[in-house]
Amino acid sequence: MLGMSPLTSGSLSSVARALALALAVLLPVARVSAQAAANRVVLELQPTKEFPRNSEGSFITLKSGRILYAYTQFYGGDRDESAARVVVITSDDAGRTWSPKPRVLVENVGGTNVMSVSFLRLQNGRIGLFYIKKRSRIEGHPVAQFSDDEGDTWSAPQTVVKAPGYFELNNDRAIQLTGGRILLPIGSYRLKDTDASTYDSLDFRAITMWFVSDDHGSTWKEAPQWLAAPNPKTLEGLQESGVVELKDGSLLGWFRTDQGSQFVARSRDRAESWTPAAPSELKSPTSSAAIKRLPGSATLLAVWNDYSGAFPVPTLTATDPALQRRMANRRTPLVVGLSTDGGATWPTRRLLEGEPDGWYCYTAVHFVEDAVLLAYCAGDQKVGGLNRLRMRRIDLDWIAGK
């Protein structure tokens, strides 16, 4: 009877060695592939001659499941005072792919431009839209609009801060507290004179104030207390502030400073009063951070330029003091971290971007399924620090190190 001859022990050993070798080659590749899938770039908008800067933005999920991402599209140059409008792109697969052509959401009605957009889903179902309307280099005001039909139409623009001056509301900053209060953290810059052609007319030692609405955005008022930097030697004050509601209902506010870290303050009365601003564990250059709470959890997620030394920070090689100052504030590396104690400590940290020449900032954070979407400026010396927009989709388990 014809048949296959049995394998010898020698041939079994050869097969085992071959299998082990194959696994040794394939398993690392599989792990790298899985890691890439857990943290991948899903969108990159390069600057072009027509649109030299694609800048900071914000996300909103519609009731249909479609996600909108709005951002500032500059078409008159790449400086903060260049002509720009707010445009929007869409995703129908939880942020994995995005529509190729943006549509205009807010035309340039500002005189100079409109920028720094925030979306907010309100508890009554409406969508809030907030942005800065800039009339000149020394005059800018936060504006609010609302939609009752999932963004198809919008209410007339409403100026939140009516006083003259320059008032800063960063992108992706509007929040609504559990009790219904809408809260906008706003930086105020004192005018030294009225020359609208130069930023030298502004005192960059910003103070932070909070504007609130207790009637779904119909009217706005300034909360009683504002905050200034405790260090009189600061050149920047408390800039580009943000706020997050903690699980216990208290508030954590944070501020960009030139003092080597994000400063923080806390409120237990819905932003009516605050503790003095003080340094935090988020060591950073003069660059904005982003903080949000994971849905249904007490855990906070932050994205910032980590200067703690946990990740390589570019070495200063310049000898000129002015150049040293500029290099000392390079916005790299970019790190995502988690805190389980209300922002007191950030033991879990993962590197997102580490190019020494990179410039990573103004991150929008949006949770979807078991992942988070992060969209931020990802420039460099070749294209300009704020001109390239990058978006990542990251599994929360990857951030937690699982």
Protein backbone atom coordinates (compact mmCIF):
# COMPACT_ATOMS: atom_id res chain seq x y z
CA MET A 1 0.00 0.00 0.00
CA LEU A 2 1.40 3.36 -1.06
CA GLY A 3 1.62 6.21 1.50
CA MET A 4 3.70 9.05 2.85
CA SER A 5 6.70 8.04 4.85
CA PRO A 6 6.65 9.24 8.46
CA LEU A 7 8.64 12.34 9.43
CA THR A 8 11.86 11.64 11.20
CA SER A 9 12.80 13.36 14.40
CA GLY A 10 15.39 15.33 12.44
CA SER A 11 12.82 16.61 9.99
CA LEU A 12 10.47 17.52 12.87
CA SER A 13 13.24 19.61 14.37
CA SER A 14 13.77 21.35 11.06
CA VAL A 15 10.07 22.16 10.77
CA ALA A 16 9.99 23.49 14.32
CA ARG A 17 13.01 25.67 13.70
CA ALA A 18 11.46 27.01 10.50
CA LEU A 19 8.20 27.78 12.29
CA ALA A 20 10.03 29.48 15.14
CA LEU A 21 12.02 31.57 12.68
CA ALA A 22 8.86 32.56 10.81
CA LEU A 23 7.14 33.54 14.05
CA ALA A 24 10.19 35.50 15.14
CA VAL A 25 9.97 37.50 11.93
CA LEU A 26 6.19 37.85 11.72
CA LEU A 27 5.27 38.59 15.34
CA PRO A 28 7.24 41.86 15.61
CA VAL A 29 5.78 42.94 12.27
CA ALA A 30 2.30 42.12 13.56
CA ARG A 31 2.95 44.07 16.76
CA VAL A 32 4.20 47.09 14.81
CA SER A 33 1.19 46.85 12.52
CA ALA A 34 -1.19 46.69 15.49
CA GLN A 35 0.51 49.67 17.13
CA ALA A 36 0.29 51.65 13.89
CA ALA A 37 -3.43 50.85 13.66
CA ALA A 38 -3.93 51.93 17.27
CA ASN A 39 -2.26 55.30 16.66
CA ARG A 40 -2.40 56.48 13.09
CA VAL A 41 -2.55 59.71 11.13
CA VAL A 42 -5.92 59.83 9.37
CA LEU A 43 -5.61 63.29 7.83
CA GLU A 44 -2.86 65.70 6.88
CA LEU A 45 -3.60 69.04 5.22
CA GLN A 46 -0.49 70.58 3.72
CA PRO A 47 -0.21 74.30 3.07
CA THR A 48 -0.61 75.31 -0.58
CA LYS A 49 -0.21 78.49 -2.58
CA GLU A 50 -4.00 78.95 -2.49
CA PHE A 51 -4.34 78.06 1.20
CA PRO A 52 -0.98 78.74 2.88
CA ARG A 53 -2.21 77.79 6.37
CA ASN A 54 -4.66 75.16 7.61
CA SER A 55 -4.94 75.78 11.30
CA GLU A 56 -6.63 74.93 14.63
CA GLY A 57 -10.21 73.61 14.88
CA SER A 58 -12.88 71.61 16.73
CA PHE A 59 -15.06 68.48 16.36
CA ILE A 60 -18.78 67.74 16.78
CA THR A 61 -20.70 64.47 16.33
CA LEU A 62 -24.13 64.88 14.74
CA LYS A 63 -27.15 62.82 15.74
CA SER A 64 -26.72 60.85 12.50
CA GLY A 65 -23.25 59.74 13.61
CA ARG A 66 -21.49 61.96 11.11
CA ILE A 67 -18.54 63.88 12.59
CA LEU A 68 -17.78 67.46 11.59
CA TYR A 69 -14.35 68.98 11.94
CA ALA A 70 -14.18 72.74 11.50
CA TYR A 71 -10.86 74.57 11.15
CA THR A 72 -9.41 77.89 10.03
CA GLN A 73 -8.48 78.03 6.35
CA PHE A 74 -6.17 80.96 5.57
CA TYR A 75 -6.19 82.28 2.01
CA GLY A 76 -4.56 85.70 2.37
CA GLY A 77 -1.26 84.67 3.95
CA ASP A 78 -0.22 82.58 6.93
CA ARG A 79 -0.02 85.12 9.72
CA ASP A 80 -2.58 85.46 12.52
CA GLU A 81 -3.85 88.67 10.94
CA SER A 82 -4.10 87.23 7.40
CA ALA A 83 -7.46 86.75 5.70
CA ALA A 84 -9.12 83.48 6.75
CA ARG A 85 -12.48 81.73 7.09
CA VAL A 86 -13.83 78.73 8.97
CA VAL A 87 -14.41 75.61 6.86
CA VAL A 88 -15.67 72.13 7.71
CA ILE A 89 -14.99 68.56 6.59
CA THR A 90 -16.93 65.40 7.48
CA SER A 91 -16.40 61.76 8.43
CA ASP A 92 -18.99 58.97 8.28
CA ASP A 93 -16.79 56.19 9.68
CA ALA A 94 -15.93 57.44 13.18
CA GLY A 95 -13.02 59.56 12.02
CA ARG A 96 -11.12 56.97 9.99
CA THR A 97 -11.54 58.84 6.69
CA TRP A 98 -12.57 62.40 5.83
CA SER A 99 -14.29 64.19 2.99
CA PRO A 100 -11.74 65.54 0.50
CA LYS A 101 -13.19 69.00 -0.05
CA PRO A 102 -14.13 71.40 2.77
CA ARG A 103 -17.19 73.62 2.67
CA VAL A 104 -17.32 77.11 4.10
CA LEU A 105 -18.96 77.35 7.51
CA VAL A 106 -18.18 80.99 8.39
CA GLU A 107 -17.01 83.41 5.75
CA ASN A 108 -14.48 86.10 6.59
CA VAL A 109 -16.83 88.58 8.21
CA GLY A 110 -14.26 89.91 10.63
CA GLY A 111 -12.51 92.61 8.64
CA THR A 112 -9.21 90.85 9.39
CA ASN A 113 -10.42 87.25 9.74
CA VAL A 114 -12.40 84.69 11.71
CA MET A 115 -10.51 81.91 13.53
CA SER A 116 -10.15 79.68 16.62
CA VAL A 117 -13.40 77.73 16.28
CA SER A 118 -15.15 75.70 19.01
CA PHE A 119 -18.14 73.37 18.65
CA LEU A 120 -20.33 72.44 21.62
CA ARG A 121 -23.28 70.04 21.85
CA LEU A 122 -25.69 71.56 24.34
CA GLN A 123 -27.84 69.60 26.75
CA ASN A 124 -31.00 70.83 24.99
CA GLY A 125 -29.81 69.31 21.73
CA ARG A 126 -28.64 72.51 20.04
CA ILE A 127 -25.14 72.89 18.62
CA GLY A 128 -23.10 75.88 19.68
CA LEU A 129 -20.48 77.42 17.41
CA PHE A 130 -17.91 79.87 18.78
CA TYR A 131 -15.04 81.70 17.09
CA ILE A 132 -13.01 84.90 17.18
CA LYS A 133 -14.01 87.74 14.91
CA LYS A 134 -10.91 89.84 14.37
CA ARG A 135 -11.32 93.40 13.15
CA SER A 136 -7.64 94.33 13.46
CA ARG A 137 -4.48 93.31 15.22
CA ILE A 138 -5.72 94.90 18.43
CA GLU A 139 -9.45 94.17 18.24
CA GLY A 140 -10.95 90.71 18.45
CA HIS A 141 -14.17 89.40 20.00
CA PRO A 142 -15.64 85.94 20.67
CA VAL A 143 -18.83 85.30 18.70
CA ALA A 144 -21.54 82.68 19.32
CA GLN A 145 -24.01 81.09 16.90
CA PHE A 146 -26.43 78.19 17.41
CA SER A 147 -28.07 75.56 15.24
CA ASP A 148 -31.34 73.68 15.85
CA ASP A 149 -31.05 71.53 12.71
CA GLU A 150 -27.69 69.79 13.12
CA GLY A 151 -25.65 72.51 11.50
CA ASP A 152 -27.70 73.09 8.35
CA THR A 153 -28.56 76.64 9.44
CA TRP A 154 -27.27 78.95 12.17
CA SER A 155 -28.61 81.79 14.25
CA ALA A 156 -27.32 85.32 13.73
CA PRO A 157 -23.84 85.95 15.17
CA GLN A 158 -23.90 87.19 18.77
CA THR A 159 -20.93 89.02 20.26
CA VAL A 160 -20.14 87.50 23.67
CA VAL A 161 -17.83 90.24 24.97
CA LYS A 162 -19.06 93.69 23.97
CA ALA A 163 -16.31 95.83 25.50
CA PRO A 164 -13.65 97.24 23.13
CA GLY A 165 -10.33 95.43 23.05
CA TYR A 166 -8.71 92.13 22.17
CA PHE A 167 -10.32 89.06 23.72
CA GLU A 168 -8.96 85.58 23.07
CA LEU A 169 -10.96 82.35 23.02
CA ASN A 170 -8.85 79.38 21.99
CA ASN A 171 -10.14 76.65 19.71
CA ASP A 172 -12.08 73.74 21.21
CA ARG A 173 -12.58 75.50 24.55
CA ALA A 174 -16.35 75.95 25.05
CA ILE A 175 -17.92 73.68 27.68
CA GLN A 176 -21.28 73.21 29.38
CA LEU A 177 -21.39 72.28 33.04
CA THR A 178 -23.60 69.55 34.48
CA GLY A 179 -26.08 72.14 35.75
CA GLY A 180 -26.46 73.71 32.30
CA ARG A 181 -24.13 76.73 32.54
CA ILE A 182 -22.16 77.40 29.35
CA LEU A 183 -18.64 78.52 30.15
CA LEU A 184 -16.09 80.28 27.93
CA PRO A 185 -12.54 80.92 29.25
CA ILE A 186 -11.38 84.17 27.68
CA GLY A 187 -8.04 85.98 27.74
CA SER A 188 -8.11 89.77 27.88
CA TYR A 189 -5.24 91.93 26.59
CA ARG A 190 -4.89 95.53 27.73
CA LEU A 191 -4.53 98.16 25.01
CA LYS A 192 -1.49 100.40 25.44
CA ASP A 193 -2.52 102.64 22.55
CA THR A 194 -4.90 102.56 19.57
CA ASP A 195 -2.53 101.81 16.70
CA ALA A 196 -4.32 98.91 14.99
CA SER A 197 -1.42 98.26 12.62
CA THR A 198 0.90 96.68 15.18
CA TYR A 199 0.78 94.13 17.97
CA ASP A 200 3.02 96.45 20.00
CA SER A 201 -0.19 98.21 20.99
CA LEU A 202 -1.19 95.18 23.07
CA ASP A 203 0.05 94.32 26.54
CA PHE A 204 0.63 90.57 26.23
CA ARG A 205 0.38 90.03 29.99
CA ALA A 206 -3.09 88.58 29.57
CA ILE A 207 -5.60 88.13 32.35
CA THR A 208 -8.18 85.35 32.21
CA MET A 209 -11.88 85.91 32.70
CA TRP A 210 -14.85 83.59 32.33
CA PHE A 211 -17.99 84.46 30.42
CA VAL A 212 -21.05 82.40 31.28
CA SER A 213 -24.58 81.86 30.04
CA ASP A 214 -27.34 80.33 32.15
CA ASP A 215 -30.04 80.56 29.46
CA HIS A 216 -28.67 78.30 26.70
CA GLY A 217 -26.58 81.08 25.14
CA SER A 218 -29.27 83.76 24.84
CA THR A 219 -27.39 86.17 27.13
CA TRP A 220 -23.85 86.33 28.51
CA LYS A 221 -22.21 87.85 31.55
CA GLU A 222 -18.71 88.00 32.98
CA ALA A 223 -18.16 85.87 36.10
CA PRO A 224 -17.19 87.96 39.16
CA GLN A 225 -13.52 86.96 39.43
CA TRP A 226 -10.72 87.21 36.92
CA LEU A 227 -7.17 85.89 37.35
CA ALA A 228 -3.75 87.40 36.68
CA ALA A 229 -0.36 85.73 36.80
CA PRO A 230 1.11 85.74 40.32
CA ASN A 231 4.62 86.46 39.00
CA PRO A 232 4.99 90.16 38.12
CA LYS A 233 8.00 89.39 35.89
CA THR A 234 5.97 87.35 33.43
CA LEU A 235 5.90 88.67 29.86
CA GLU A 236 2.85 86.65 28.83
CA GLY A 237 0.51 86.56 31.84
CA LEU A 238 -2.18 83.86 31.79
CA GLN A 239 -2.83 83.14 28.12
CA GLU A 240 -4.87 80.63 26.08
CA SER A 241 -6.82 79.30 29.03
CA GLY A 242 -9.07 76.26 29.19
CA VAL A 243 -11.41 74.65 31.71
CA VAL A 244 -12.70 71.15 32.39
CA GLU A 245 -15.38 69.95 34.80
CA LEU A 246 -14.16 67.18 37.09
CA LYS A 247 -16.20 64.18 38.20
CA ASP A 248 -17.06 65.85 41.54
CA GLY A 249 -18.44 68.95 39.81
CA SER A 250 -15.47 71.20 40.56
CA LEU A 251 -13.58 72.95 37.78
CA LEU A 252 -9.94 72.77 36.73
CA GLY A 253 -8.70 75.75 34.77
CA TRP A 254 -5.35 75.86 33.02
CA PHE A 255 -3.29 78.61 31.38
CA ARG A 256 -0.37 78.97 29.00
CA THR A 257 2.51 80.83 30.65
CA ASP A 258 6.16 81.68 30.05
CA GLN A 259 7.05 80.32 33.51
CA GLY A 260 8.01 76.77 32.48
CA SER A 261 4.66 75.05 32.96
CA GLN A 262 0.94 75.24 32.50
CA PHE A 263 -0.52 77.07 35.49
CA VAL A 264 -3.75 75.79 37.02
CA ALA A 265 -6.55 77.12 39.23
CA ARG A 266 -9.67 75.50 40.70
CA SER A 267 -13.26 76.52 41.31
CA ARG A 268 -16.00 74.87 43.37
CA ASP A 269 -18.79 77.33 42.60
CA ARG A 270 -19.29 77.13 38.83
CA ALA A 271 -16.52 79.65 37.99
CA GLU A 272 -17.77 82.32 40.40
CA SER A 273 -14.47 82.26 42.29
CA TRP A 274 -11.07 80.63 41.77
CA THR A 275 -7.98 79.66 43.70
CA PRO A 276 -4.82 81.58 42.75
CA ALA A 277 -3.13 80.32 39.58
CA ALA A 278 -0.09 78.16 40.38
CA PRO A 279 2.41 75.97 38.49
CA SER A 280 1.33 72.44 37.60
CA GLU A 281 3.05 69.15 36.80
CA LEU A 282 2.51 69.89 33.09
CA LYS A 283 5.96 71.33 32.39
CA SER A 284 5.90 73.11 29.04
CA PRO A 285 7.19 75.96 26.92
CA THR A 286 4.99 78.94 26.10
CA SER A 287 2.46 76.76 24.32
CA SER A 288 -1.19 75.88 24.76
CA ALA A 289 -2.36 72.59 26.32
CA ALA A 290 -5.66 70.71 25.88
CA ILE A 291 -7.48 68.80 28.65
CA LYS A 292 -10.75 66.85 28.56
CA ARG A 293 -12.37 64.22 30.74
CA LEU A 294 -12.93 60.74 29.35
CA PRO A 295 -16.68 60.14 28.89
CA GLY A 296 -18.24 58.49 31.93
CA SER A 297 -14.95 58.53 33.81
CA ALA A 298 -13.04 60.66 36.29
CA THR A 299 -9.86 60.25 34.22
CA LEU A 300 -8.49 63.33 32.47
CA LEU A 301 -6.69 63.28 29.13
CA ALA A 302 -4.20 66.03 28.32
CA VAL A 303 -2.14 66.89 25.24
CA TRP A 304 0.82 69.23 25.68
CA ASN A 305 4.46 69.90 24.85
CA ASP A 306 6.15 67.97 27.64
CA TYR A 307 9.30 69.67 28.96
CA SER A 308 9.55 67.48 32.05
CA GLY A 309 12.48 65.51 30.62
CA ALA A 310 10.44 62.32 30.27
CA PHE A 311 11.01 62.61 26.51
CA PRO A 312 13.88 64.20 24.56
CA VAL A 313 13.67 67.97 24.35
CA PRO A 314 15.70 69.73 21.63
CA THR A 315 19.09 70.90 22.86
CA LEU A 316 19.75 74.61 22.64
CA THR A 317 22.72 75.42 20.45
CA ALA A 318 22.14 79.13 19.85
CA THR A 319 24.25 81.75 21.62
CA ASP A 320 22.19 84.82 20.70
CA PRO A 321 19.81 85.58 23.62
CA ALA A 322 16.86 86.38 21.34
CA LEU A 323 17.36 83.16 19.39
CA GLN A 324 17.78 81.21 22.63
CA ARG A 325 14.41 82.49 23.82
CA ARG A 326 12.74 81.48 20.56
CA MET A 327 14.35 78.03 20.58
CA ALA A 328 13.53 77.52 24.26
CA ASN A 329 9.87 77.79 23.38
CA ARG A 330 9.86 75.28 20.54
CA ARG A 331 6.65 73.31 20.67
CA THR A 332 8.03 69.81 20.66
CA PRO A 333 7.73 67.03 21.81
CA LEU A 334 3.95 66.52 21.78
CA VAL A 335 2.69 64.11 24.45
CA VAL A 336 -0.67 62.67 25.48
CA GLY A 337 -1.18 61.79 29.15
CA LEU A 338 -3.75 60.58 31.66
CA SER A 339 -4.53 61.72 35.21
CA THR A 340 -6.73 59.88 37.70
CA ASP A 341 -6.40 62.43 40.53
CA GLY A 342 -8.06 65.49 39.04
CA GLY A 343 -4.96 66.77 37.25
CA ALA A 344 -2.60 66.77 40.23
CA THR A 345 -0.29 64.19 38.62
CA TRP A 346 0.11 62.73 35.13
CA PRO A 347 1.87 59.36 35.53
CA THR A 348 0.74 57.90 32.17
CA ARG A 349 2.39 59.62 29.19
CA ARG A 350 2.81 58.58 25.55
CA LEU A 351 4.85 60.33 22.90
CA LEU A 352 2.90 61.49 19.85
CA GLU A 353 5.42 63.68 18.04
CA GLY A 354 9.11 64.11 18.71
CA GLU A 355 10.76 65.77 15.72
CA PRO A 356 13.28 68.33 17.02
CA ASP A 357 12.24 70.75 14.28
CA GLY A 358 8.52 70.12 14.82
CA TRP A 359 5.97 72.66 16.01
CA TYR A 360 2.93 70.94 17.55
CA CYS A 361 0.14 72.87 19.22
CA TYR A 362 -3.55 73.91 19.43
CA THR A 363 -4.97 70.43 19.76
CA ALA A 364 -8.68 69.63 19.42
CA VAL A 365 -9.81 66.53 21.36
CA HIS A 366 -12.87 64.42 20.49
CA PHE A 367 -13.85 60.99 21.83
CA VAL A 368 -15.39 58.45 19.45
CA GLU A 369 -16.08 54.75 20.08
CA ASP A 370 -13.06 53.46 22.05
CA ALA A 371 -10.69 56.02 20.55
CA VAL A 372 -9.88 59.72 20.57
CA LEU A 373 -9.42 62.06 17.63
CA LEU A 374 -6.64 64.62 18.01
CA ALA A 375 -6.24 67.40 15.44
CA TYR A 376 -3.40 69.90 15.80
CA CYS A 377 -0.95 72.17 14.03
CA ALA A 378 2.08 70.09 12.98
CA GLY A 379 4.45 72.46 11.27
CA ASP A 380 8.20 72.88 10.99
CA GLN A 381 10.73 75.36 9.65
CA LYS A 382 10.06 74.34 6.04
CA VAL A 383 6.29 74.93 5.97
CA GLY A 384 5.85 77.23 8.97
CA GLY A 385 4.95 76.32 12.52
CA LEU A 386 1.16 76.67 12.27
CA ASN A 387 0.54 75.92 8.59
CA ARG A 388 0.15 72.13 8.44
CA LEU A 389 -2.87 70.43 10.04
CA ARG A 390 -2.56 66.82 11.23
CA MET A 391 -5.22 64.52 12.67
CA ARG A 392 -4.68 61.26 14.55
CA ARG A 393 -7.10 58.53 15.60
CA ILE A 394 -5.75 56.83 18.73
CA ASP A 395 -7.14 53.88 20.67
CA LEU A 396 -7.59 54.76 24.33
CA ASP A 397 -6.03 51.41 25.27
CA TRP A 398 -2.86 52.46 23.45
CA ILE A 399 -2.68 55.64 25.51
CA ALA A 400 -3.20 53.65 28.72
CA GLY A 401 -0.45 51.21 27.67
CA LYS A 402 -2.74 48.17 27.49
